[in-house]
C-alpha atoms as a PDB file:
ATOM      1  CA  MET A   1     -99.350  18.449 -38.076  1.00  0.00           C
ATOM      2  CA  ILE A   2     -97.110  15.791 -36.560  1.00  0.00           C
ATOM      3  CA  THR A   3     -96.154  14.779 -33.018  1.00  0.00           C
ATOM      4  CA  LEU A   4     -92.586  13.786 -32.241  1.00  0.00           C
ATOM      5  CA  GLU A   5     -91.216  11.991 -29.206  1.00  0.00           C
ATOM      6  CA  THR A   6     -87.638  10.766 -28.776  1.00  0.00           C
ATOM      7  CA  TYR A   7     -86.173   8.213 -26.400  1.00  0.00           C
ATOM      8  CA  ASP A   8     -82.584   7.264 -25.660  1.00  0.00           C
ATOM      9  CA  THR A   9     -82.286   3.470 -25.504  1.00  0.00           C
ATOM     10  CA  GLU A  10     -79.425   0.988 -25.269  1.00  0.00           C
ATOM     11  CA  GLN A  11     -79.805   0.493 -29.032  1.00  0.00           C
ATOM     12  CA  GLY A  12     -79.620   4.248 -29.731  1.00  0.00           C
ATOM     13  CA  ARG A  13     -82.142   7.001 -30.331  1.00  0.00           C
ATOM     14  CA  MET A  14     -85.739   5.878 -30.809  1.00  0.00           C
ATOM     15  CA  VAL A  15     -88.196   8.223 -32.515  1.00  0.00           C
ATOM     16  CA  ALA A  16     -91.990   7.978 -32.378  1.00  0.00           C
ATOM     17  CA  VAL A  17     -93.898  10.031 -34.944  1.00  0.00           C
ATOM     18  CA  ALA A  18     -97.661  10.290 -35.487  1.00  0.00           C
ATOM     19  CA  ASP A  19    -100.193  12.524 -37.176  1.00  0.00           C
ATOM     20  CA  VAL A  20    -101.760  14.764 -34.528  1.00  0.00           C
ATOM     21  CA  ALA A  21    -105.267  13.908 -35.711  1.00  0.00           C
ATOM     22  CA  ILE A  22    -104.893  10.212 -34.832  1.00  0.00           C
ATOM     23  CA  VAL A  23    -103.086  10.392 -31.475  1.00  0.00           C
ATOM     24  CA  GLY A  24    -105.234   8.509 -28.985  1.00  0.00           C
ATOM     25  CA  GLU A  25    -106.789   6.245 -31.628  1.00  0.00           C
ATOM     26  CA  VAL A  26    -106.473   2.462 -31.957  1.00  0.00           C
ATOM     27  CA  TYR A  27    -106.446   0.694 -35.335  1.00  0.00           C
ATOM     28  CA  GLU A  28    -106.853  -3.027 -35.836  1.00  0.00           C
ATOM     29  CA  GLU A  29    -107.056  -5.252 -38.886  1.00  0.00           C
ATOM     30  CA  LYS A  30    -106.413  -8.958 -39.449  1.00  0.00           C
ATOM     31  CA  GLY A  31    -104.896  -9.447 -35.996  1.00  0.00           C
ATOM     32  CA  VAL A  32    -102.539  -6.446 -36.277  1.00  0.00           C
ATOM     33  CA  ARG A  33    -103.144  -3.634 -33.806  1.00  0.00           C
ATOM     34  CA  VAL A  34    -101.628  -0.157 -33.621  1.00  0.00           C
ATOM     35  CA  ASP A  35    -102.340   1.903 -30.529  1.00  0.00           C
ATOM     36  CA  VAL A  36    -101.407   5.531 -31.179  1.00  0.00           C
ATOM     37  CA  ASP A  37    -100.935   6.097 -27.463  1.00  0.00           C
ATOM     38  CA  PRO A  38    -100.146   9.704 -26.507  1.00  0.00           C
ATOM     39  CA  ASP A  39     -97.890   8.383 -23.720  1.00  0.00           C
ATOM     40  CA  PHE A  40     -95.628   6.861 -26.400  1.00  0.00           C
ATOM     41  CA  TYR A  41     -96.086   9.103 -29.442  1.00  0.00           C
ATOM     42  CA  GLY A  42     -96.206  12.238 -27.304  1.00  0.00           C
ATOM     43  CA  GLU A  43     -98.193  15.393 -27.707  1.00  0.00           C
ATOM     44  CA  THR A  44     -95.398  17.715 -28.808  1.00  0.00           C
ATOM     45  CA  VAL A  45     -96.341  19.098 -32.212  1.00  0.00           C
ATOM     46  CA  THR A  46     -93.451  19.968 -34.478  1.00  0.00           C
ATOM     47  CA  VAL A  47     -92.738  20.887 -38.075  1.00  0.00           C
ATOM     48  CA  ARG A  48     -91.992  18.347 -40.785  1.00  0.00           C
ATOM     49  CA  GLU A  49     -88.350  19.436 -41.125  1.00  0.00           C
ATOM     50  CA  GLU A  50     -87.691  18.656 -37.439  1.00  0.00           C
ATOM     51  CA  VAL A  51     -89.367  15.270 -37.822  1.00  0.00           C
ATOM     52  CA  MET A  52     -87.197  14.448 -40.829  1.00  0.00           C
ATOM     53  CA  LYS A  53     -84.046  15.550 -38.996  1.00  0.00           C
ATOM     54  CA  ALA A  54     -84.947  13.392 -35.975  1.00  0.00           C
ATOM     55  CA  LEU A  55     -85.695  10.394 -38.209  1.00  0.00           C
ATOM     56  CA  ARG A  56     -82.355  10.683 -40.013  1.00  0.00           C
ATOM     57  CA  GLY A  57     -80.564  10.549 -36.646  1.00  0.00           C
ATOM     58  CA  ALA A  58     -82.623   7.683 -35.244  1.00  0.00           C
ATOM     59  CA  SER A  59     -81.623   4.057 -34.762  1.00  0.00           C
ATOM     60  CA  ILE A  60     -85.243   2.979 -34.295  1.00  0.00           C
ATOM     61  CA  ALA A  61     -88.437   4.668 -35.492  1.00  0.00           C
ATOM     62  CA  ASN A  62     -92.174   4.089 -35.308  1.00  0.00           C
ATOM     63  CA  LEU A  63     -94.330   6.111 -37.692  1.00  0.00           C
ATOM     64  CA  VAL A  64     -98.108   6.158 -37.989  1.00  0.00           C
ATOM     65  CA  GLY A  65    -100.380   8.327 -40.117  1.00  0.00           C
ATOM     66  CA  GLU A  66    -100.233   9.853 -43.595  1.00  0.00           C
ATOM     67  CA  GLU A  67     -98.043  12.867 -42.725  1.00  0.00           C
ATOM     68  CA  ALA A  68     -95.718  10.916 -40.438  1.00  0.00           C
ATOM     69  CA  VAL A  69     -95.090   8.170 -42.992  1.00  0.00           C
ATOM     70  CA  GLU A  70     -94.633  10.706 -45.811  1.00  0.00           C
ATOM     71  CA  ALA A  71     -91.960  12.430 -43.692  1.00  0.00           C
ATOM     72  CA  GLY A  72     -90.216   9.071 -43.241  1.00  0.00           C
ATOM     73  CA  LEU A  73     -90.327   8.395 -46.971  1.00  0.00           C
ATOM     74  CA  ASP A  74     -89.000  11.868 -47.794  1.00  0.00           C
ATOM     75  CA  ALA A  75     -86.225  11.472 -45.196  1.00  0.00           C
ATOM     76  CA  ASP A  76     -85.256   8.182 -46.905  1.00  0.00           C
ATOM     77  CA  VAL A  77     -85.488   6.155 -43.693  1.00  0.00           C
ATOM     78  CA  ILE A  78     -88.317   3.878 -44.870  1.00  0.00           C
ATOM     79  CA  ASP A  79     -89.376   2.424 -48.222  1.00  0.00           C
ATOM     80  CA  GLU A  80     -92.898   2.548 -49.658  1.00  0.00           C
ATOM     81  CA  GLU A  81     -93.030  -1.237 -50.075  1.00  0.00           C
ATOM     82  CA  ASN A  82     -92.520  -1.666 -46.313  1.00  0.00           C
ATOM     83  CA  VAL A  83     -95.426   0.550 -45.275  1.00  0.00           C
ATOM     84  CA  LEU A  84     -98.367  -1.373 -43.821  1.00  0.00           C
ATOM     85  CA  ARG A  85    -101.924  -0.095 -43.893  1.00  0.00           C
ATOM     86  CA  ILE A  86    -103.910  -1.028 -40.829  1.00  0.00           C
ATOM     87  CA  ASP A  87    -107.574  -0.147 -41.130  1.00  0.00           C
ATOM     88  CA  GLY A  88    -106.497   2.253 -43.886  1.00  0.00           C
ATOM     89  CA  VAL A  89    -103.873   4.048 -41.749  1.00  0.00           C
ATOM     90  CA  PRO A  90    -100.215   3.820 -42.853  1.00  0.00           C
ATOM     91  CA  HIS A  91     -97.710   2.469 -40.353  1.00  0.00           C
ATOM     92  CA  ALA A  92     -93.982   1.828 -40.675  1.00  0.00           C
ATOM     93  CA  GLN A  93     -91.080   0.892 -38.457  1.00  0.00           C
ATOM     94  CA  MET A  94     -87.376   1.321 -39.012  1.00  0.00           C
ATOM     95  CA  VAL A  95     -84.355  -0.243 -37.312  1.00  0.00           C
ATOM     96  CA  ARG A  96     -80.752   0.550 -38.213  1.00  0.00           C
ATOM     97  CA  MET A  97     -78.184  -2.072 -37.343  1.00  0.00           C
END
């Protein structure tokens, strides 16, 4: 299960996607910190197809968690070699210019 939150910014649509199970958690490793804050990533649970559709239309995206990152890979908006693992949790960002 995945949460999806969207924001309209000056740079275009921003999408925040996270696995439901990790919303509210904080991960830190080697000075890198990811706060899966429900205020940012939201609490709206949606299906994978909606996540992929939102990611394809996004200018900016933040993805955290196994399911969220897999959706980004399957939507072809991120590449496997650009996925970071922070305390074992996958995290990726995307910006279209």
